[in-house]
Amino acid sequence: MVNTFYDLATDFYEFGWGQSFHFATRHKYESFEASIARHEMYMAHQLGLFPGMKVIDIGCGVGGPMRTIARFSGANVVGLNNNEYQIQRGKRLNEQAGLSHLCSFIKADFMNIPVEDGTYDCAYQIEATCHAPDLVGIYREIFRVLKPGGLFGGYEWIMTNKFNKNDPIEVNIKKQIELGNGLPDLVQPAEILSALKEAGFEIITAFDVAETSELPWYLPLSSGISVTGFLHTGVGRYLTGKLCQVMEMLKLAPAGSYNTNVWLQNAATFLVQGGEKQIFSPMFFILVRKPSEDK
């Protein structure tokens, strides 16, 4: 399901959002692009990355965060992705950025990473493991590939503690976010922490970064007109949809392009609703450690 979703959605994401398929906290007077880069560099800083370290990016997309983190830290970053289309696109972007010596890819299911135990110094994921069919399973696999003492950081999609399971409106918002983004069941923070502990990790810190943002994380999806970020505004998405419709009719775009765009627009609508009600967040930050061998 996830692979098919990204085959359809990748070009739309990159066209409207850039090479990093995630949200970010944002300060007043900070551009959208700057907020995305800072969000990624914050991860590198929290992991303490430096030149010579070997890091794995779980669910790397086309590698936008990988390139920012490699450039910022000097670490060698291996992007794990199960989508061949995204990997080939990412390799071209690595070459264009002059970062092929630091950035590479592995094609695999992140539930079964084809490397030996203890291969990586650190691991991170940015809004990727929400696609996992089994949270304990994905965390155990990440635990396995880390060296003893290695850190794992992540931004998880969650339903916040304000989410009311008995409110049909909120339950529908949750369902539509899952359907529109190719997700299994979204969970709350306690379930994330429980899964991490069951996988063997020591919790260093865990909190919803969205609560620290001066501007709403969903602002790029909800704002009307933006000169610098027009394509991912409501108006920009509407006009993109109309352009897709015309291009598909003229056979200049693949069949299904318009429907895919409508699908993503619908997903954006419910992401905004979840953000406005503060019942959904795409950035529950976790930093955990694989215990050292001497413990």
C-alpha atoms as a PDB file:
ATOM      1  CA  MET A   1       0.000   0.000   0.000  1.00  0.00           C
ATOM      2  CA  VAL A   2       2.741   2.450   1.005  1.00  0.00           C
ATOM      3  CA  ASN A   3       4.836   1.688  -2.094  1.00  0.00           C
ATOM      4  CA  THR A   4       1.910   2.310  -4.431  1.00  0.00           C
ATOM      5  CA  PHE A   5       1.068   5.485  -2.534  1.00  0.00           C
ATOM      6  CA  TYR A   6       4.540   6.939  -3.035  1.00  0.00           C
ATOM      7  CA  ASP A   7       4.749   5.917  -6.682  1.00  0.00           C
ATOM      8  CA  LEU A   8       1.720   8.141  -7.202  1.00  0.00           C
ATOM      9  CA  ALA A   9       2.498  10.937  -4.754  1.00  0.00           C
ATOM     10  CA  THR A  10       6.255  11.565  -5.031  1.00  0.00           C
ATOM     11  CA  ASP A  11       6.184  14.021  -7.926  1.00  0.00           C
ATOM     12  CA  PHE A  12       3.361  15.988  -6.337  1.00  0.00           C
ATOM     13  CA  TYR A  13       5.226  16.178  -3.034  1.00  0.00           C
ATOM     14  CA  GLU A  14       8.432  17.395  -4.640  1.00  0.00           C
ATOM     15  CA  PHE A  15       6.656  19.839  -6.942  1.00  0.00           C
ATOM     16  CA  GLY A  16       4.668  21.472  -4.170  1.00  0.00           C
ATOM     17  CA  TRP A  17       6.802  20.914  -1.083  1.00  0.00           C
ATOM     18  CA  GLY A  18      10.435  20.418  -2.052  1.00  0.00           C
ATOM     19  CA  GLN A  19      12.824  17.503  -1.553  1.00  0.00           C
ATOM     20  CA  SER A  20      12.026  16.999   2.151  1.00  0.00           C
ATOM     21  CA  PHE A  21       8.631  15.357   2.622  1.00  0.00           C
ATOM     22  CA  HIS A  22       7.889  16.459   6.181  1.00  0.00           C
ATOM     23  CA  PHE A  23       6.553  19.261   8.354  1.00  0.00           C
ATOM     24  CA  ALA A  24       8.549  21.489  10.706  1.00  0.00           C
ATOM     25  CA  THR A  25       8.230  23.891  13.580  1.00  0.00           C
ATOM     26  CA  ARG A  26       8.500  27.474  12.418  1.00  0.00           C
ATOM     27  CA  HIS A  27       9.531  30.741  14.047  1.00  0.00           C
ATOM     28  CA  LYS A  28       8.082  34.138  13.216  1.00  0.00           C
ATOM     29  CA  TYR A  29       9.754  35.689  10.154  1.00  0.00           C
ATOM     30  CA  GLU A  30      11.342  32.332   9.278  1.00  0.00           C
ATOM     31  CA  SER A  31      10.809  31.074   5.742  1.00  0.00           C
ATOM     32  CA  PHE A  32       9.246  27.679   5.080  1.00  0.00           C
ATOM     33  CA  GLU A  33      12.494  26.416   3.508  1.00  0.00           C
ATOM     34  CA  ALA A  34      14.582  27.591   6.464  1.00  0.00           C
ATOM     35  CA  SER A  35      12.250  25.880   8.934  1.00  0.00           C
ATOM     36  CA  ILE A  36      12.521  22.569   7.076  1.00  0.00           C
ATOM     37  CA  ALA A  37      16.329  22.711   7.080  1.00  0.00           C
ATOM     38  CA  ARG A  38      16.479  23.702  10.766  1.00  0.00           C
ATOM     39  CA  HIS A  39      14.160  20.809  11.666  1.00  0.00           C
ATOM     40  CA  GLU A  40      16.596  18.411   9.997  1.00  0.00           C
ATOM     41  CA  MET A  41      19.716  19.973  11.484  1.00  0.00           C
ATOM     42  CA  TYR A  42      18.116  19.790  14.936  1.00  0.00           C
ATOM     43  CA  MET A  43      17.983  16.009  14.468  1.00  0.00           C
ATOM     44  CA  ALA A  44      21.663  15.879  13.497  1.00  0.00           C
ATOM     45  CA  HIS A  45      22.544  18.018  16.516  1.00  0.00           C
ATOM     46  CA  GLN A  46      20.563  15.854  18.944  1.00  0.00           C
ATOM     47  CA  LEU A  47      22.268  12.721  17.605  1.00  0.00           C
ATOM     48  CA  GLY A  48      25.696  14.351  17.906  1.00  0.00           C
ATOM     49  CA  LEU A  49      26.697  13.490  14.360  1.00  0.00           C
ATOM     50  CA  PHE A  50      30.189  14.263  13.062  1.00  0.00           C
ATOM     51  CA  PRO A  51      32.464  13.247  10.139  1.00  0.00           C
ATOM     52  CA  GLY A  52      33.257   9.551   9.961  1.00  0.00           C
ATOM     53  CA  MET A  53      30.056   8.362  11.623  1.00  0.00           C
ATOM     54  CA  LYS A  54      27.829   5.918   9.745  1.00  0.00           C
ATOM     55  CA  VAL A  55      24.135   6.751  10.001  1.00  0.00           C
ATOM     56  CA  ILE A  56      20.962   5.228   8.574  1.00  0.00           C
ATOM     57  CA  ASP A  57      17.960   7.308   7.508  1.00  0.00           C
ATOM     58  CA  ILE A  58      14.892   5.077   7.886  1.00  0.00           C
ATOM     59  CA  GLY A  59      12.374   5.803   5.114  1.00  0.00           C
ATOM     60  CA  CYS A  60      14.452   8.507   3.450  1.00  0.00           C
ATOM     61  CA  GLY A  61      12.146   9.546   0.592  1.00  0.00           C
ATOM     62  CA  VAL A  62      14.156  11.239  -2.173  1.00  0.00           C
ATOM     63  CA  GLY A  63      16.823  12.146   0.375  1.00  0.00           C
ATOM     64  CA  GLY A  64      16.205  15.806   1.179  1.00  0.00           C
ATOM     65  CA  PRO A  65      16.887  15.394   4.929  1.00  0.00           C
ATOM     66  CA  MET A  66      19.815  13.070   4.199  1.00  0.00           C
ATOM     67  CA  ARG A  67      21.555  15.706   2.115  1.00  0.00           C
ATOM     68  CA  THR A  68      20.982  18.471   4.658  1.00  0.00           C
ATOM     69  CA  ILE A  69      22.200  16.294   7.538  1.00  0.00           C
ATOM     70  CA  ALA A  70      25.246  14.996   5.635  1.00  0.00           C
ATOM     71  CA  ARG A  71      26.230  18.503   4.570  1.00  0.00           C
ATOM     72  CA  PHE A  72      25.661  19.880   8.093  1.00  0.00           C
ATOM     73  CA  SER A  73      27.455  17.112  10.024  1.00  0.00           C
ATOM     74  CA  GLY A  74      29.876  15.509   7.576  1.00  0.00           C
ATOM     75  CA  ALA A  75      28.534  12.065   8.552  1.00  0.00           C
ATOM     76  CA  ASN A  76      27.996   9.278   6.031  1.00  0.00           C
ATOM     77  CA  VAL A  77      24.247   8.769   5.662  1.00  0.00           C
ATOM     78  CA  VAL A  78      22.646   5.675   4.135  1.00  0.00           C
ATOM     79  CA  GLY A  79      19.038   6.171   3.079  1.00  0.00           C
ATOM     80  CA  LEU A  80      16.723   3.182   3.447  1.00  0.00           C
ATOM     81  CA  ASN A  81      13.786   3.143   1.045  1.00  0.00           C
ATOM     82  CA  ASN A  82      11.575   0.440  -0.459  1.00  0.00           C
ATOM     83  CA  ASN A  83      10.461   2.574  -3.394  1.00  0.00           C
ATOM     84  CA  GLU A  84      12.657   2.272  -6.500  1.00  0.00           C
ATOM     85  CA  TYR A  85      11.252   5.418  -8.103  1.00  0.00           C
ATOM     86  CA  GLN A  86      12.266   7.546  -5.119  1.00  0.00           C
ATOM     87  CA  ILE A  87      15.712   5.933  -4.903  1.00  0.00           C
ATOM     88  CA  GLN A  88      16.556   6.668  -8.545  1.00  0.00           C
ATOM     89  CA  ARG A  89      15.346  10.251  -8.107  1.00  0.00           C
ATOM     90  CA  GLY A  90      17.380  10.565  -4.905  1.00  0.00           C
ATOM     91  CA  LYS A  91      20.576   9.322  -6.571  1.00  0.00           C
ATOM     92  CA  ARG A  92      20.267  12.000  -9.242  1.00  0.00           C
ATOM     93  CA  LEU A  93      19.719  14.667  -6.592  1.00  0.00           C
ATOM     94  CA  ASN A  94      22.740  13.431  -4.605  1.00  0.00           C
ATOM     95  CA  GLU A  95      24.906  13.794  -7.714  1.00  0.00           C
ATOM     96  CA  GLN A  96      23.551  17.255  -8.473  1.00  0.00           C
ATOM     97  CA  ALA A  97      24.303  18.344  -4.899  1.00  0.00           C
ATOM     98  CA  GLY A  98      27.838  16.896  -5.019  1.00  0.00           C
ATOM     99  CA  LEU A  99      27.071  14.652  -2.042  1.00  0.00           C
ATOM    100  CA  SER A 100      27.302  11.160  -3.528  1.00  0.00           C
ATOM    101  CA  HIS A 101      30.450  10.546  -1.467  1.00  0.00           C
ATOM    102  CA  LEU A 102      28.436  10.994   1.762  1.00  0.00           C
ATOM    103  CA  CYS A 103      24.934   9.893   0.747  1.00  0.00           C
ATOM    104  CA  SER A 104      23.824   6.492  -0.578  1.00  0.00           C
ATOM    105  CA  PHE A 105      20.750   4.258  -0.647  1.00  0.00           C
ATOM    106  CA  ILE A 106      19.617   0.753   0.285  1.00  0.00           C
ATOM    107  CA  LYS A 107      16.432  -0.613  -1.271  1.00  0.00           C
ATOM    108  CA  ALA A 108      14.639  -2.675   1.365  1.00  0.00           C
ATOM    109  CA  ASP A 109      11.625  -2.987   3.599  1.00  0.00           C
ATOM    110  CA  PHE A 110      12.483  -1.225   6.853  1.00  0.00           C
ATOM    111  CA  MET A 111      10.964  -4.146   8.753  1.00  0.00           C
ATOM    112  CA  ASN A 112      13.830  -6.301   7.430  1.00  0.00           C
ATOM    113  CA  ILE A 113      17.006  -4.240   6.947  1.00  0.00           C
ATOM    114  CA  PRO A 114      19.620  -6.266   5.013  1.00  0.00           C
ATOM    115  CA  VAL A 115      22.670  -5.431   7.140  1.00  0.00           C
ATOM    116  CA  GLU A 116      24.476  -7.139  10.004  1.00  0.00           C
ATOM    117  CA  ASP A 117      23.740  -6.413  13.653  1.00  0.00           C
ATOM    118  CA  GLY A 118      25.473  -3.327  15.026  1.00  0.00           C
ATOM    119  CA  THR A 119      26.252  -1.760  11.649  1.00  0.00           C
ATOM    120  CA  TYR A 120      25.369   1.892  12.356  1.00  0.00           C
ATOM    121  CA  ASP A 121      26.509   4.474  14.891  1.00  0.00           C
ATOM    122  CA  CYS A 122      23.120   6.239  14.831  1.00  0.00           C
ATOM    123  CA  ALA A 123      19.745   6.024  13.157  1.00  0.00           C
ATOM    124  CA  TYR A 124      16.933   8.474  12.568  1.00  0.00           C
ATOM    125  CA  GLN A 125      13.555   8.676  10.892  1.00  0.00           C
ATOM    126  CA  ILE A 126      11.488  11.714   9.952  1.00  0.00           C
ATOM    127  CA  GLU A 127       7.777  10.965   9.679  1.00  0.00           C
ATOM    128  CA  ALA A 128       8.451   7.516   8.195  1.00  0.00           C
ATOM    129  CA  THR A 129       7.866   4.794  10.797  1.00  0.00           C
ATOM    130  CA  CYS A 130       4.221   5.878  11.045  1.00  0.00           C
ATOM    131  CA  HIS A 131       3.887   3.628   7.964  1.00  0.00           C
ATOM    132  CA  ALA A 132       5.107   0.554   9.885  1.00  0.00           C
ATOM    133  CA  PRO A 133       2.542  -2.221  10.346  1.00  0.00           C
ATOM    134  CA  ASP A 134       4.092  -3.058  13.735  1.00  0.00           C
ATOM    135  CA  LEU A 135       5.766  -0.384  15.880  1.00  0.00           C
ATOM    136  CA  VAL A 136       7.576  -2.810  18.155  1.00  0.00           C
ATOM    137  CA  GLY A 137       8.783  -4.672  15.082  1.00  0.00           C
ATOM    138  CA  ILE A 138      10.260  -1.619  13.353  1.00  0.00           C
ATOM    139  CA  TYR A 139      11.871  -0.374  16.572  1.00  0.00           C
ATOM    140  CA  ARG A 140      13.411  -3.808  17.209  1.00  0.00           C
ATOM    141  CA  GLU A 141      14.878  -3.838  13.721  1.00  0.00           C
ATOM    142  CA  ILE A 142      16.388  -0.372  14.215  1.00  0.00           C
ATOM    143  CA  PHE A 143      17.686  -1.516  17.619  1.00  0.00           C
ATOM    144  CA  ARG A 144      19.330  -4.522  15.948  1.00  0.00           C
ATOM    145  CA  VAL A 145      21.275  -2.524  13.346  1.00  0.00           C
ATOM    146  CA  LEU A 146      22.605  -0.004  15.878  1.00  0.00           C
ATOM    147  CA  LYS A 147      25.918  -0.403  17.651  1.00  0.00           C
ATOM    148  CA  PRO A 148      25.724  -0.690  21.477  1.00  0.00           C
ATOM    149  CA  GLY A 149      25.302   2.819  22.870  1.00  0.00           C
ATOM    150  CA  GLY A 150      23.976   4.083  19.535  1.00  0.00           C
ATOM    151  CA  LEU A 151      21.253   6.726  19.414  1.00  0.00           C
ATOM    152  CA  PHE A 152      17.990   6.684  17.496  1.00  0.00           C
ATOM    153  CA  GLY A 153      15.996   9.849  16.890  1.00  0.00           C
ATOM    154  CA  GLY A 154      12.620  10.280  15.274  1.00  0.00           C
ATOM    155  CA  TYR A 155       9.696  12.533  14.486  1.00  0.00           C
ATOM    156  CA  GLU A 156       6.569  10.385  14.861  1.00  0.00           C
ATOM    157  CA  TRP A 157       3.042  11.071  13.621  1.00  0.00           C
ATOM    158  CA  ILE A 158       0.686  10.770  16.605  1.00  0.00           C
ATOM    159  CA  MET A 159      -2.785  11.419  17.842  1.00  0.00           C
ATOM    160  CA  THR A 160      -2.119  13.697  20.804  1.00  0.00           C
ATOM    161  CA  ASN A 161      -3.438  13.168  24.315  1.00  0.00           C
ATOM    162  CA  LYS A 162      -6.215  15.634  23.483  1.00  0.00           C
ATOM    163  CA  PHE A 163      -7.691  13.176  20.989  1.00  0.00           C
ATOM    164  CA  ASN A 164     -11.111  11.901  22.105  1.00  0.00           C
ATOM    165  CA  LYS A 165     -11.765   8.348  20.885  1.00  0.00           C
ATOM    166  CA  ASN A 166     -15.465   8.807  21.644  1.00  0.00           C
ATOM    167  CA  ASP A 167     -15.917  11.909  19.495  1.00  0.00           C
ATOM    168  CA  PRO A 168     -17.110  10.834  16.008  1.00  0.00           C
ATOM    169  CA  ILE A 169     -15.813  14.041  14.398  1.00  0.00           C
ATOM    170  CA  GLU A 170     -12.326  13.497  15.796  1.00  0.00           C
ATOM    171  CA  VAL A 171     -12.415   9.806  14.928  1.00  0.00           C
ATOM    172  CA  ASN A 172     -13.284  10.716  11.327  1.00  0.00           C
ATOM    173  CA  ILE A 173     -10.405  13.203  11.162  1.00  0.00           C
ATOM    174  CA  LYS A 174      -8.048  10.442  12.320  1.00  0.00           C
ATOM    175  CA  LYS A 175      -9.441   8.002   9.752  1.00  0.00           C
ATOM    176  CA  GLN A 176      -9.146  10.510   6.900  1.00  0.00           C
ATOM    177  CA  ILE A 177      -5.545  11.371   7.825  1.00  0.00           C
ATOM    178  CA  GLU A 178      -4.706   7.653   7.730  1.00  0.00           C
ATOM    179  CA  LEU A 179      -6.491   7.038   4.424  1.00  0.00           C
ATOM    180  CA  GLY A 180      -5.124  10.151   2.749  1.00  0.00           C
ATOM    181  CA  ASN A 181      -1.524   9.449   3.712  1.00  0.00           C
ATOM    182  CA  GLY A 182      -1.304   5.680   3.282  1.00  0.00           C
ATOM    183  CA  LEU A 183      -1.065   4.956   7.019  1.00  0.00           C
ATOM    184  CA  PRO A 184      -1.995   2.135   9.361  1.00  0.00           C
ATOM    185  CA  ASP A 185      -3.477   2.989  12.779  1.00  0.00           C
ATOM    186  CA  LEU A 186      -2.133   6.199  14.347  1.00  0.00           C
ATOM    187  CA  VAL A 187      -1.414   5.918  18.080  1.00  0.00           C
ATOM    188  CA  GLN A 188      -0.870   8.216  21.054  1.00  0.00           C
ATOM    189  CA  PRO A 189       2.455   9.070  22.779  1.00  0.00           C
ATOM    190  CA  ALA A 190       2.206   6.412  25.502  1.00  0.00           C
ATOM    191  CA  GLU A 191       2.007   3.657  22.879  1.00  0.00           C
ATOM    192  CA  ILE A 192       5.095   5.021  21.089  1.00  0.00           C
ATOM    193  CA  LEU A 193       7.101   5.009  24.327  1.00  0.00           C
ATOM    194  CA  SER A 194       5.842   1.566  25.310  1.00  0.00           C
ATOM    195  CA  ALA A 195       6.873   0.153  21.916  1.00  0.00           C
ATOM    196  CA  LEU A 196      10.340   1.702  22.172  1.00  0.00           C
ATOM    197  CA  LYS A 197      10.893   0.237  25.639  1.00  0.00           C
ATOM    198  CA  GLU A 198       9.626  -3.171  24.541  1.00  0.00           C
ATOM    199  CA  ALA A 199      12.132  -3.057  21.669  1.00  0.00           C
ATOM    200  CA  GLY A 200      14.916  -2.535  24.221  1.00  0.00           C
ATOM    201  CA  PHE A 201      15.614   1.204  24.000  1.00  0.00           C
ATOM    202  CA  GLU A 202      16.369   3.559  26.862  1.00  0.00           C
ATOM    203  CA  ILE A 203      14.306   6.760  26.599  1.00  0.00           C
ATOM    204  CA  ILE A 204      16.392   9.942  26.734  1.00  0.00           C
ATOM    205  CA  THR A 205      13.664  12.434  25.824  1.00  0.00           C
ATOM    206  CA  ALA A 206      10.261  12.469  24.165  1.00  0.00           C
ATOM    207  CA  PHE A 207       7.978  15.442  23.560  1.00  0.00           C
ATOM    208  CA  ASP A 208       5.727  16.993  20.944  1.00  0.00           C
ATOM    209  CA  VAL A 209       7.907  19.532  19.142  1.00  0.00           C
ATOM    210  CA  ALA A 210       4.771  21.105  17.648  1.00  0.00           C
ATOM    211  CA  GLU A 211       4.023  22.627  21.056  1.00  0.00           C
ATOM    212  CA  THR A 212       7.222  24.703  20.810  1.00  0.00           C
ATOM    213  CA  SER A 213       6.406  26.180  17.389  1.00  0.00           C
ATOM    214  CA  GLU A 214       5.673  29.917  17.224  1.00  0.00           C
ATOM    215  CA  LEU A 215       3.637  29.394  14.055  1.00  0.00           C
ATOM    216  CA  PRO A 216       1.328  26.408  13.452  1.00  0.00           C
ATOM    217  CA  TRP A 217       3.089  23.481  11.765  1.00  0.00           C
ATOM    218  CA  TYR A 218       0.125  23.184   9.380  1.00  0.00           C
ATOM    219  CA  LEU A 219       0.341  26.834   8.257  1.00  0.00           C
ATOM    220  CA  PRO A 220       1.779  25.955   4.812  1.00  0.00           C
ATOM    221  CA  LEU A 221      -1.313  23.831   4.133  1.00  0.00           C
ATOM    222  CA  SER A 222      -3.850  26.325   5.433  1.00  0.00           C
ATOM    223  CA  SER A 223      -2.595  29.734   4.286  1.00  0.00           C
ATOM    224  CA  GLY A 224      -4.265  31.363   1.324  1.00  0.00           C
ATOM    225  CA  ILE A 225      -1.640  33.294  -0.678  1.00  0.00           C
ATOM    226  CA  SER A 226       2.114  33.051  -0.231  1.00  0.00           C
ATOM    227  CA  VAL A 227       4.632  34.449  -2.668  1.00  0.00           C
ATOM    228  CA  THR A 228       7.481  32.256  -1.429  1.00  0.00           C
ATOM    229  CA  GLY A 229       5.513  29.053  -0.943  1.00  0.00           C
ATOM    230  CA  PHE A 230       2.640  29.388  -3.368  1.00  0.00           C
ATOM    231  CA  LEU A 231       2.535  25.776  -4.555  1.00  0.00           C
ATOM    232  CA  HIS A 232       1.721  24.300  -1.144  1.00  0.00           C
ATOM    233  CA  THR A 233      -0.946  26.869  -0.215  1.00  0.00           C
ATOM    234  CA  GLY A 234      -4.647  26.203  -0.681  1.00  0.00           C
ATOM    235  CA  VAL A 235      -4.786  28.339  -3.809  1.00  0.00           C
ATOM    236  CA  GLY A 236      -1.611  26.785  -5.180  1.00  0.00           C
ATOM    237  CA  ARG A 237      -2.904  23.253  -4.607  1.00  0.00           C
ATOM    238  CA  TYR A 238      -6.206  24.123  -6.327  1.00  0.00           C
ATOM    239  CA  LEU A 239      -4.481  25.530  -9.403  1.00  0.00           C
ATOM    240  CA  THR A 240      -2.072  22.581  -9.474  1.00  0.00           C
ATOM    241  CA  GLY A 241      -5.077  20.283  -9.531  1.00  0.00           C
ATOM    242  CA  LYS A 242      -6.622  22.110 -12.457  1.00  0.00           C
ATOM    243  CA  LEU A 243      -3.305  22.013 -14.316  1.00  0.00           C
ATOM    244  CA  CYS A 244      -3.105  18.239 -13.698  1.00  0.00           C
ATOM    245  CA  GLN A 245      -6.607  17.805 -15.035  1.00  0.00           C
ATOM    246  CA  VAL A 246      -5.778  19.643 -18.260  1.00  0.00           C
ATOM    247  CA  MET A 247      -2.421  17.867 -18.693  1.00  0.00           C
ATOM    248  CA  GLU A 248      -4.019  14.464 -18.164  1.00  0.00           C
ATOM    249  CA  MET A 249      -6.710  15.253 -20.752  1.00  0.00           C
ATOM    250  CA  LEU A 250      -3.972  16.224 -23.214  1.00  0.00           C
ATOM    251  CA  LYS A 251      -2.024  13.048 -22.270  1.00  0.00           C
ATOM    252  CA  LEU A 252       0.898  15.148 -21.031  1.00  0.00           C
ATOM    253  CA  ALA A 253       0.589  13.609 -17.556  1.00  0.00           C
ATOM    254  CA  PRO A 254       0.081   9.937 -16.554  1.00  0.00           C
ATOM    255  CA  ALA A 255      -3.427   8.607 -16.106  1.00  0.00           C
ATOM    256  CA  GLY A 256      -4.497   9.032 -12.487  1.00  0.00           C
ATOM    257  CA  SER A 257      -2.559  12.268 -11.917  1.00  0.00           C
ATOM    258  CA  TYR A 258      -5.672  14.344 -11.288  1.00  0.00           C
ATOM    259  CA  ASN A 259      -7.193  11.781  -8.913  1.00  0.00           C
ATOM    260  CA  THR A 260      -3.916  11.556  -7.014  1.00  0.00           C
ATOM    261  CA  ASN A 261      -3.849  15.315  -6.609  1.00  0.00           C
ATOM    262  CA  VAL A 262      -7.448  15.301  -5.336  1.00  0.00           C
ATOM    263  CA  TRP A 263      -6.493  12.525  -2.905  1.00  0.00           C
ATOM    264  CA  LEU A 264      -3.591  14.586  -1.523  1.00  0.00           C
ATOM    265  CA  GLN A 265      -5.689  17.747  -1.279  1.00  0.00           C
ATOM    266  CA  ASN A 266      -8.258  15.858   0.770  1.00  0.00           C
ATOM    267  CA  ALA A 267      -5.490  14.563   3.033  1.00  0.00           C
ATOM    268  CA  ALA A 268      -4.222  18.122   3.530  1.00  0.00           C
ATOM    269  CA  THR A 269      -7.683  19.287   4.580  1.00  0.00           C
ATOM    270  CA  PHE A 270      -7.872  16.758   7.407  1.00  0.00           C
ATOM    271  CA  LEU A 271      -4.266  17.334   8.486  1.00  0.00           C
ATOM    272  CA  VAL A 272      -5.174  20.989   8.997  1.00  0.00           C
ATOM    273  CA  GLN A 273      -8.304  20.054  10.929  1.00  0.00           C
ATOM    274  CA  GLY A 274      -6.300  17.734  13.159  1.00  0.00           C
ATOM    275  CA  GLY A 275      -3.739  20.464  13.759  1.00  0.00           C
ATOM    276  CA  GLU A 276      -6.316  23.133  14.506  1.00  0.00           C
ATOM    277  CA  LYS A 277      -8.019  20.867  17.056  1.00  0.00           C
ATOM    278  CA  GLN A 278      -4.582  19.927  18.460  1.00  0.00           C
ATOM    279  CA  ILE A 279      -5.505  16.248  18.270  1.00  0.00           C
ATOM    280  CA  PHE A 280      -2.836  15.353  15.693  1.00  0.00           C
ATOM    281  CA  SER A 281       0.874  16.110  15.447  1.00  0.00           C
ATOM    282  CA  PRO A 282       3.460  14.993  12.853  1.00  0.00           C
ATOM    283  CA  MET A 283       6.430  15.711  15.106  1.00  0.00           C
ATOM    284  CA  PHE A 284       6.462  13.809  18.369  1.00  0.00           C
ATOM    285  CA  PHE A 285      10.238  13.868  18.879  1.00  0.00           C
ATOM    286  CA  ILE A 286      11.929  10.870  20.440  1.00  0.00           C
ATOM    287  CA  LEU A 287      15.592  10.376  21.293  1.00  0.00           C
ATOM    288  CA  VAL A 288      16.527   6.944  22.625  1.00  0.00           C
ATOM    289  CA  ARG A 289      19.644   4.856  23.179  1.00  0.00           C
ATOM    290  CA  LYS A 290      20.550   1.221  22.641  1.00  0.00           C
ATOM    291  CA  PRO A 291      22.169   0.177  25.955  1.00  0.00           C
ATOM    292  CA  SER A 292      25.914  -0.354  26.029  1.00  0.00           C
ATOM    293  CA  GLU A 293      27.153  -3.946  26.169  1.00  0.00           C
ATOM    294  CA  ASP A 294      28.472  -3.513  29.701  1.00  0.00           C
ATOM    295  CA  LYS A 295      24.959  -2.871  31.087  1.00  0.00           C
END
